[in-house]
C-alpha atoms as a PDB file:
ATOM      1  CA  MET A   1      19.121 -16.785  20.709  1.00  0.00           C
ATOM      2  CA  SER A   2      22.175 -15.773  18.715  1.00  0.00           C
ATOM      3  CA  ASP A   3      24.122 -12.594  19.333  1.00  0.00           C
ATOM      4  CA  GLU A   4      23.866 -11.144  15.825  1.00  0.00           C
ATOM      5  CA  ARG A   5      24.424  -7.466  15.194  1.00  0.00           C
ATOM      6  CA  TYR A   6      22.392  -5.578  12.645  1.00  0.00           C
ATOM      7  CA  SER A   7      23.752  -2.694  10.665  1.00  0.00           C
ATOM      8  CA  PRO A   8      22.560   0.797  11.592  1.00  0.00           C
ATOM      9  CA  VAL A   9      21.459   1.356   7.992  1.00  0.00           C
ATOM     10  CA  ALA A  10      19.201  -1.711   8.090  1.00  0.00           C
ATOM     11  CA  LEU A  11      17.706  -0.644  11.408  1.00  0.00           C
ATOM     12  CA  ALA A  12      17.119   2.896  10.128  1.00  0.00           C
ATOM     13  CA  ALA A  13      15.412   1.538   7.014  1.00  0.00           C
ATOM     14  CA  LEU A  14      13.222  -0.704   9.145  1.00  0.00           C
ATOM     15  CA  LEU A  15      12.300   2.192  11.425  1.00  0.00           C
ATOM     16  CA  ALA A  16      11.465   4.393   8.426  1.00  0.00           C
ATOM     17  CA  ALA A  17       9.236   1.669   6.972  1.00  0.00           C
ATOM     18  CA  VAL A  18       7.420   1.242  10.280  1.00  0.00           C
ATOM     19  CA  ILE A  19       6.848   4.996  10.631  1.00  0.00           C
ATOM     20  CA  MET A  20       5.568   5.325   7.053  1.00  0.00           C
ATOM     21  CA  TRP A  21       3.304   2.300   7.411  1.00  0.00           C
ATOM     22  CA  ALA A  22       1.879   3.455  10.751  1.00  0.00           C
ATOM     23  CA  SER A  23       1.304   7.036   9.646  1.00  0.00           C
ATOM     24  CA  SER A  24      -0.413   6.095   6.393  1.00  0.00           C
ATOM     25  CA  PHE A  25      -3.652   4.976   8.050  1.00  0.00           C
ATOM     26  CA  PRO A  26      -4.479   8.198   9.957  1.00  0.00           C
ATOM     27  CA  LEU A  27      -3.326  10.335   7.036  1.00  0.00           C
ATOM     28  CA  LEU A  28      -5.481   8.359   4.625  1.00  0.00           C
ATOM     29  CA  LYS A  29      -8.499   8.736   6.899  1.00  0.00           C
ATOM     30  CA  LEU A  30      -7.919  12.486   7.044  1.00  0.00           C
ATOM     31  CA  ALA A  31      -7.429  12.747   3.283  1.00  0.00           C
ATOM     32  CA  LEU A  32     -10.629  10.820   2.521  1.00  0.00           C
ATOM     33  CA  VAL A  33     -12.585  13.693   4.054  1.00  0.00           C
ATOM     34  CA  HIS A  34     -11.379  15.993   1.258  1.00  0.00           C
ATOM     35  CA  LEU A  35     -10.694  13.716  -1.736  1.00  0.00           C
ATOM     36  CA  PRO A  36     -12.481  10.750  -3.305  1.00  0.00           C
ATOM     37  CA  PRO A  37     -10.825   7.328  -2.930  1.00  0.00           C
ATOM     38  CA  ILE A  38      -9.957   7.016  -6.634  1.00  0.00           C
ATOM     39  CA  THR A  39      -8.042  10.301  -6.546  1.00  0.00           C
ATOM     40  CA  LEU A  40      -6.081   9.178  -3.492  1.00  0.00           C
ATOM     41  CA  ALA A  41      -5.259   5.882  -5.169  1.00  0.00           C
ATOM     42  CA  ALA A  42      -4.043   7.720  -8.282  1.00  0.00           C
ATOM     43  CA  ILE A  43      -1.848  10.005  -6.180  1.00  0.00           C
ATOM     44  CA  ARG A  44      -0.370   7.099  -4.207  1.00  0.00           C
ATOM     45  CA  TYR A  45       0.409   5.055  -7.330  1.00  0.00           C
ATOM     46  CA  SER A  46       1.872   8.083  -9.101  1.00  0.00           C
ATOM     47  CA  ILE A  47       4.229   8.782  -6.205  1.00  0.00           C
ATOM     48  CA  ALA A  48       5.234   5.116  -6.081  1.00  0.00           C
ATOM     49  CA  ALA A  49       5.854   5.091  -9.835  1.00  0.00           C
ATOM     50  CA  VAL A  50       8.152   8.112  -9.596  1.00  0.00           C
ATOM     51  CA  PHE A  51      10.197   6.411  -6.871  1.00  0.00           C
ATOM     52  CA  MET A  52      10.363   3.095  -8.727  1.00  0.00           C
ATOM     53  CA  ILE A  53      11.394   4.730 -12.010  1.00  0.00           C
ATOM     54  CA  SER A  54      14.096   6.739 -10.245  1.00  0.00           C
ATOM     55  CA  ILE A  55      15.438   3.565  -8.621  1.00  0.00           C
ATOM     56  CA  LEU A  56      15.459   1.749 -11.957  1.00  0.00           C
ATOM     57  CA  LEU A  57      17.235   4.641 -13.665  1.00  0.00           C
ATOM     58  CA  ALA A  58      19.791   4.845 -10.874  1.00  0.00           C
ATOM     59  CA  LYS A  59      20.480   1.121 -11.061  1.00  0.00           C
ATOM     60  CA  PHE A  60      20.437   0.550 -14.814  1.00  0.00           C
ATOM     61  CA  GLY A  61      20.781   4.050 -16.249  1.00  0.00           C
ATOM     62  CA  MET A  62      19.295   5.323 -19.464  1.00  0.00           C
ATOM     63  CA  ARG A  63      20.526   3.281 -22.405  1.00  0.00           C
END
């Protein structure tokens, strides 16, 4: 096994992804008690779209 070092930023990003992924299942189960599945899907995709658009605008800017 090689002795490679990983950057703290990469490890923090990996940890954040693991926490978000692991917490999504219990939160989704709790949310399904109060909202229909189609509403939850719309909310999730809307939040993802806002993040993706902000990343695109930050990278390429408005032309």
